[in-house]
Amino acid sequence: MQEKTIAIIDLGSNSARLVVEKLKSDGSYRELYRVKEDTRLSKGMGESLLLQEEQIDKTLAVLKDYQEKIRLYSVDATYGITTAAVRTAKNQADFLKRVKEEVGLNLRVLTGEEEAHYDFLGVLASLPDESSAVILDTGGASVELIPYRNRQAEVELSLPFGAVNLSEKYQLADKVAKEAVQAACQQITAAYEKQPFIKNNQGQPVILLGGANRSLAKMAEKKGWTKQGQKSLHGLFLSGSRVEQIFSEIAQMDRKEREHLAGLEKSRADIIVSGLLPVLNLVRAIQAPKVIFSESGVREGLIFELIQKEFKLS
């Protein structure tokens, strides 16, 4: 059986991930290695849309470490992708140049539509029973939305808000003011209401991707709300009313209280309120009866595409 070993470095707005995968000609693949580091690359960008030097240095250190890890495997090819923070950064060219010179990595900057498309491919391949839904991927500086019916996407789009930039803009990191949450909800709702798919997808389930949504799944699991015989978070589901309940609880806590919340990574305590606002408002907008958690997204979508191309699969 033909095989190919690849590495994917996925540099997001909040974290960087490395996976090493063995691709097989029958369309399957096996994970050999996985690691994640929080880099907060989009931290402090604000309205200037400039990547900050401290975050750049931290990110470069992580990428160098990833390159060292990749050398431990007989990798045939390395693919580097990056998303919203770098996509919108005014100093994008300088950053990409430094990554090339200091790390030896060419990063492909995905457009919002490409990111959404890979999310869609990843979900279709890993949740085949969900023939119609609305996919929401919440990142640090953007959200991707893909409503689809009968396994056909209606639209693949990206909106420029996420866990990190919402937290900074509305000061949602520590003790949260109700007025601040309301203002953030107004921004998100206004962006959603402009999209025709909202009216056409009332009552559809929402499939959730991204770190903030994984945290939601873990918190729900700790509460015993997702006992569905699953060995992983992938495929777990939660009612829309439970999403409201968890958000209401965490919004009343300060940062230190959230740091000790069962199921929540300490490093996400300052961005979890903002990170859950996109799903909270989407559930309200389409009256979603439930949310379904997916651990397959952009990287898995890219793997799916690479397998199709490499082994000429239809």
Protein backbone atom coordinates (compact mmCIF):
# COMPACT_ATOMS: atom_id res chain seq x y z
CA MET A 1 0.00 0.00 0.00
CA GLN A 2 1.32 3.41 -0.95
CA GLU A 3 1.97 5.73 1.98
CA LYS A 4 3.19 9.27 2.52
CA THR A 5 4.12 10.97 5.78
CA ILE A 6 3.34 14.67 6.08
CA ALA A 7 3.53 17.38 8.73
CA ILE A 8 1.04 20.23 9.02
CA ILE A 9 1.78 23.37 11.01
CA ASP A 10 -1.43 25.29 11.58
CA LEU A 11 -0.77 28.78 12.94
CA GLY A 12 -3.99 30.25 14.24
CA SER A 13 -4.74 33.56 15.91
CA ASN A 14 -4.65 32.06 19.40
CA SER A 15 -2.62 28.87 19.13
CA ALA A 16 -0.24 26.94 16.91
CA ARG A 17 -0.66 23.23 16.21
CA LEU A 18 1.56 20.59 14.68
CA VAL A 19 0.36 17.22 13.43
CA VAL A 20 2.35 14.48 11.71
CA GLU A 21 0.17 12.12 9.68
CA LYS A 22 0.72 8.99 7.62
CA LEU A 23 -1.51 9.14 4.53
CA LYS A 24 -2.60 5.91 2.83
CA SER A 25 -3.72 5.29 -0.72
CA ASP A 26 -7.06 3.85 0.43
CA GLY A 27 -8.05 7.32 1.65
CA SER A 28 -7.33 6.68 5.33
CA TYR A 29 -4.66 8.29 7.49
CA ARG A 30 -3.05 7.72 10.87
CA GLU A 31 -1.87 10.36 13.32
CA LEU A 32 1.71 9.90 14.46
CA TYR A 33 2.15 13.04 16.54
CA ARG A 34 0.16 16.04 17.73
CA VAL A 35 1.03 19.08 19.84
CA LYS A 36 -0.51 22.50 20.55
CA GLU A 37 0.94 25.67 22.03
CA ASP A 38 -0.85 28.91 22.90
CA THR A 39 0.84 31.79 21.07
CA ARG A 40 -1.87 34.49 21.15
CA LEU A 41 -0.51 35.87 17.88
CA SER A 42 -3.49 38.22 17.52
CA LYS A 43 -3.05 39.69 21.02
CA GLY A 44 -2.82 43.47 20.99
CA MET A 45 -3.50 43.89 17.26
CA GLY A 46 -6.52 46.11 17.93
CA GLU A 47 -7.53 48.60 15.26
CA SER A 48 -3.91 49.04 14.17
CA LEU A 49 -3.97 45.46 12.79
CA LEU A 50 -0.28 45.09 13.58
CA LEU A 51 1.18 41.86 14.90
CA GLN A 52 2.99 42.73 18.14
CA GLU A 53 6.71 42.04 18.58
CA GLU A 54 6.30 40.06 21.80
CA GLN A 55 3.76 37.74 20.20
CA ILE A 56 5.85 37.40 17.04
CA ASP A 57 8.91 36.33 19.07
CA LYS A 58 6.84 33.82 21.04
CA THR A 59 5.37 32.42 17.85
CA LEU A 60 8.74 32.12 16.12
CA ALA A 61 10.11 30.18 19.11
CA VAL A 62 7.20 27.74 18.91
CA LEU A 63 7.61 27.29 15.15
CA LYS A 64 11.34 26.59 15.55
CA ASP A 65 10.52 23.96 18.14
CA TYR A 66 8.01 22.41 15.76
CA GLN A 67 10.63 22.19 13.02
CA GLU A 68 12.90 20.31 15.43
CA LYS A 69 10.08 17.88 16.24
CA ILE A 70 9.37 17.31 12.54
CA ARG A 71 13.01 16.28 12.01
CA LEU A 72 12.41 13.28 14.28
CA TYR A 73 10.09 11.81 11.63
CA SER A 74 10.76 10.77 8.05
CA VAL A 75 8.46 13.43 6.64
CA ASP A 76 7.94 13.61 2.89
CA ALA A 77 6.46 17.12 2.99
CA THR A 78 5.63 19.89 5.46
CA TYR A 79 2.63 22.18 4.95
CA GLY A 80 2.38 25.46 6.84
CA ILE A 81 -0.93 27.32 6.96
CA THR A 82 -2.02 30.42 8.84
CA THR A 83 -5.33 32.17 9.28
CA ALA A 84 -7.07 35.35 10.48
CA ALA A 85 -4.37 37.14 12.49
CA VAL A 86 -1.79 36.96 9.71
CA ARG A 87 -4.47 37.33 7.03
CA THR A 88 -5.50 40.76 8.35
CA ALA A 89 -2.12 41.98 9.62
CA LYS A 90 -0.68 45.09 7.98
CA ASN A 91 2.81 43.77 8.74
CA GLN A 92 1.98 40.38 7.20
CA ALA A 93 4.82 40.50 4.66
CA ASP A 94 7.46 41.25 7.31
CA PHE A 95 6.16 38.44 9.51
CA LEU A 96 6.11 35.88 6.69
CA LYS A 97 9.65 36.91 5.72
CA ARG A 98 10.89 36.36 9.28
CA VAL A 99 9.21 32.96 9.44
CA LYS A 100 10.91 31.98 6.18
CA GLU A 101 14.34 33.29 7.21
CA GLU A 102 14.38 32.24 10.87
CA VAL A 103 12.32 29.05 10.78
CA GLY A 104 12.72 27.88 7.19
CA LEU A 105 8.98 27.59 6.73
CA ASN A 106 6.78 28.94 3.96
CA LEU A 107 3.39 29.77 5.45
CA ARG A 108 0.36 29.74 3.18
CA VAL A 109 -2.07 32.46 4.25
CA LEU A 110 -5.56 31.02 3.87
CA THR A 111 -8.33 33.34 2.79
CA GLY A 112 -11.42 33.29 4.99
CA GLU A 113 -13.25 31.35 2.30
CA GLU A 114 -10.45 28.77 2.03
CA GLU A 115 -10.44 28.31 5.80
CA ALA A 116 -14.21 27.79 5.75
CA HIS A 117 -13.91 25.34 2.85
CA TYR A 118 -11.37 23.20 4.69
CA ASP A 119 -13.62 23.25 7.76
CA PHE A 120 -16.43 21.97 5.56
CA LEU A 121 -14.32 19.18 4.05
CA GLY A 122 -13.13 18.12 7.51
CA VAL A 123 -16.67 17.94 8.90
CA LEU A 124 -18.10 16.08 5.89
CA ALA A 125 -15.37 13.44 6.13
CA SER A 126 -15.72 12.91 9.88
CA LEU A 127 -19.46 13.38 10.56
CA PRO A 128 -21.06 11.68 7.54
CA ASP A 129 -24.41 11.19 9.28
CA GLU A 130 -24.98 14.95 9.62
CA SER A 131 -26.30 15.66 6.12
CA SER A 132 -27.54 19.19 6.93
CA ALA A 133 -26.34 21.68 9.56
CA VAL A 134 -24.57 25.00 10.10
CA ILE A 135 -20.85 24.74 10.86
CA LEU A 136 -19.28 27.33 13.16
CA ASP A 137 -15.50 27.49 13.68
CA THR A 138 -14.57 30.01 16.38
CA GLY A 139 -10.96 31.13 16.26
CA GLY A 140 -9.02 33.91 17.94
CA ALA A 141 -9.70 36.61 15.36
CA SER A 142 -12.40 35.23 13.07
CA VAL A 143 -15.31 32.84 12.81
CA GLU A 144 -16.06 30.66 9.81
CA LEU A 145 -19.65 29.80 8.96
CA ILE A 146 -20.78 27.10 6.54
CA PRO A 147 -24.50 26.29 6.27
CA TYR A 148 -25.01 23.14 4.22
CA ARG A 149 -27.86 20.91 3.10
CA ASN A 150 -27.63 17.38 1.73
CA ARG A 151 -23.84 17.65 2.01
CA GLN A 152 -23.74 20.73 -0.26
CA ALA A 153 -22.48 24.04 1.13
CA GLU A 154 -24.80 27.04 0.67
CA VAL A 155 -21.96 29.46 1.39
CA GLU A 156 -18.46 29.35 2.94
CA LEU A 157 -17.70 32.60 4.70
CA SER A 158 -15.51 34.19 7.36
CA LEU A 159 -16.40 37.05 9.71
CA PRO A 160 -13.70 39.18 11.41
CA PHE A 161 -14.36 38.57 15.10
CA GLY A 162 -13.23 35.84 17.45
CA ALA A 163 -12.31 34.97 21.02
CA VAL A 164 -9.24 37.20 21.33
CA ASN A 165 -10.32 40.36 19.50
CA LEU A 166 -13.81 40.33 21.05
CA SER A 167 -12.29 39.95 24.51
CA GLU A 168 -9.97 42.90 23.96
CA LYS A 169 -12.56 45.13 22.29
CA TYR A 170 -15.27 44.64 24.94
CA GLN A 171 -13.02 44.01 27.98
CA LEU A 172 -14.34 40.51 28.63
CA ALA A 173 -11.17 39.00 30.13
CA ASP A 174 -11.93 39.40 33.83
CA LYS A 175 -15.08 40.57 35.58
CA VAL A 176 -17.64 41.08 32.84
CA ALA A 177 -20.13 43.94 32.68
CA LYS A 178 -23.58 43.03 31.36
CA GLU A 179 -23.46 46.10 29.11
CA ALA A 180 -20.23 44.85 27.54
CA VAL A 181 -21.73 41.44 26.78
CA GLN A 182 -24.80 43.13 25.31
CA ALA A 183 -22.64 45.35 23.08
CA ALA A 184 -20.63 42.35 21.84
CA CYS A 185 -23.85 40.41 21.18
CA GLN A 186 -25.21 43.35 19.17
CA GLN A 187 -22.13 43.34 16.93
CA ILE A 188 -22.31 39.59 16.36
CA THR A 189 -26.08 39.54 15.84
CA ALA A 190 -25.86 42.40 13.34
CA ALA A 191 -23.24 40.48 11.36
CA TYR A 192 -25.37 37.33 11.40
CA GLU A 193 -28.56 39.11 10.38
CA LYS A 194 -26.87 40.32 7.18
CA GLN A 195 -26.45 36.71 6.06
CA PRO A 196 -29.37 35.24 4.05
CA PHE A 197 -28.65 31.74 5.33
CA ILE A 198 -29.87 32.66 8.83
CA LYS A 199 -33.51 32.76 7.72
CA ASN A 200 -33.12 29.64 5.59
CA ASN A 201 -31.67 27.46 8.35
CA GLN A 202 -34.06 27.88 11.25
CA GLY A 203 -34.10 24.81 13.49
CA GLN A 204 -30.89 23.32 12.08
CA PRO A 205 -28.21 21.90 14.41
CA VAL A 206 -24.88 23.72 14.76
CA ILE A 207 -21.59 21.83 14.34
CA LEU A 208 -18.88 23.40 16.46
CA LEU A 209 -15.14 23.64 15.78
CA GLY A 210 -12.35 25.61 17.44
CA GLY A 211 -10.75 25.89 20.86
CA ALA A 212 -13.48 27.85 22.61
CA ASN A 213 -16.08 25.34 21.45
CA ARG A 214 -13.92 22.41 22.58
CA SER A 215 -13.82 24.09 25.99
CA LEU A 216 -17.62 24.24 25.94
CA ALA A 217 -17.72 20.50 25.25
CA LYS A 218 -15.29 19.74 28.08
CA MET A 219 -17.21 21.89 30.57
CA ALA A 220 -20.48 20.21 29.58
CA GLU A 221 -18.82 16.80 29.91
CA LYS A 222 -17.62 17.62 33.43
CA LYS A 223 -21.20 18.52 34.34
CA GLY A 224 -22.39 15.14 33.09
CA TRP A 225 -24.46 16.65 30.29
CA THR A 226 -22.86 14.70 27.44
CA LYS A 227 -22.96 11.06 28.58
CA GLN A 228 -23.44 9.55 25.14
CA GLY A 229 -20.95 6.68 25.27
CA GLN A 230 -18.31 8.62 23.33
CA LYS A 231 -14.59 7.99 23.83
CA SER A 232 -13.75 11.52 22.63
CA LEU A 233 -15.43 14.89 22.29
CA HIS A 234 -15.99 14.25 18.58
CA GLY A 235 -19.67 13.69 17.88
CA LEU A 236 -20.90 14.70 21.33
CA PHE A 237 -23.98 16.90 21.35
CA LEU A 238 -25.53 19.39 23.74
CA SER A 239 -28.92 21.10 23.73
CA GLY A 240 -29.13 24.78 22.83
CA SER A 241 -30.54 25.55 26.29
CA ARG A 242 -27.44 24.02 27.92
CA VAL A 243 -25.25 26.38 25.89
CA GLU A 244 -27.21 29.29 27.36
CA GLN A 245 -26.84 27.81 30.85
CA ILE A 246 -23.06 27.38 30.68
CA PHE A 247 -22.58 30.86 29.26
CA SER A 248 -24.74 32.40 32.01
CA GLU A 249 -22.61 30.68 34.65
CA ILE A 250 -19.21 31.69 33.32
CA ALA A 251 -20.30 35.27 32.55
CA GLN A 252 -20.94 35.78 36.27
CA MET A 253 -17.43 34.63 37.25
CA ASP A 254 -14.24 36.65 37.30
CA ARG A 255 -11.07 35.40 35.64
CA LYS A 256 -9.69 33.65 38.74
CA GLU A 257 -12.94 31.81 39.29
CA ARG A 258 -12.96 30.67 35.67
CA GLU A 259 -9.36 29.45 36.00
CA HIS A 260 -10.61 26.80 38.43
CA LEU A 261 -13.66 25.83 36.42
CA ALA A 262 -13.87 22.09 35.74
CA GLY A 263 -13.17 21.32 32.09
CA LEU A 264 -11.69 24.71 31.19
CA GLU A 265 -8.01 25.17 30.41
CA LYS A 266 -6.56 27.83 32.70
CA SER A 267 -5.01 29.60 29.72
CA ARG A 268 -8.47 30.15 28.21
CA ALA A 269 -10.04 31.76 31.27
CA ASP A 270 -9.65 35.27 29.82
CA ILE A 271 -11.14 34.47 26.41
CA ILE A 272 -13.86 31.92 27.15
CA VAL A 273 -16.68 34.45 27.64
CA SER A 274 -15.86 36.09 24.31
CA GLY A 275 -15.17 32.70 22.74
CA LEU A 276 -18.67 31.44 23.45
CA LEU A 277 -20.47 34.54 22.18
CA PRO A 278 -20.45 33.44 18.50
CA VAL A 279 -22.13 30.09 19.27
CA LEU A 280 -24.49 31.60 21.82
CA ASN A 281 -25.78 34.12 19.30
CA LEU A 282 -25.90 31.64 16.42
CA VAL A 283 -27.99 29.22 18.50
CA ARG A 284 -30.37 32.10 19.24
CA ALA A 285 -30.43 33.35 15.64
CA ILE A 286 -31.42 30.02 14.06
CA GLN A 287 -33.11 28.52 17.13
CA ALA A 288 -30.77 25.54 16.98
CA PRO A 289 -32.08 22.60 19.01
CA LYS A 290 -28.59 21.28 19.64
CA VAL A 291 -24.90 21.75 19.00
CA ILE A 292 -22.61 18.91 17.88
CA PHE A 293 -18.89 18.96 18.62
CA SER A 294 -16.35 18.15 15.92
CA GLU A 295 -12.64 17.64 16.41
CA SER A 296 -12.12 17.66 12.65
CA GLY A 297 -11.76 20.97 10.86
CA VAL A 298 -9.19 22.85 8.79
CA ARG A 299 -6.30 20.41 9.22
CA GLU A 300 -8.45 17.38 8.48
CA GLY A 301 -9.95 19.16 5.48
CA LEU A 302 -6.45 19.84 4.17
CA ILE A 303 -5.49 16.19 4.76
CA PHE A 304 -8.58 15.07 2.85
CA GLU A 305 -7.61 17.30 -0.09
CA LEU A 306 -4.00 16.10 -0.04
CA ILE A 307 -5.06 12.44 -0.07
CA GLN A 308 -7.35 13.06 -3.06
CA LYS A 309 -4.54 14.76 -4.99
CA GLU A 310 -1.71 12.45 -3.96
CA PHE A 311 -3.49 9.17 -4.66
CA LYS A 312 -5.78 10.43 -7.45
CA LEU A 313 -8.91 9.45 -5.55
CA SER A 314 -12.31 10.65 -6.79
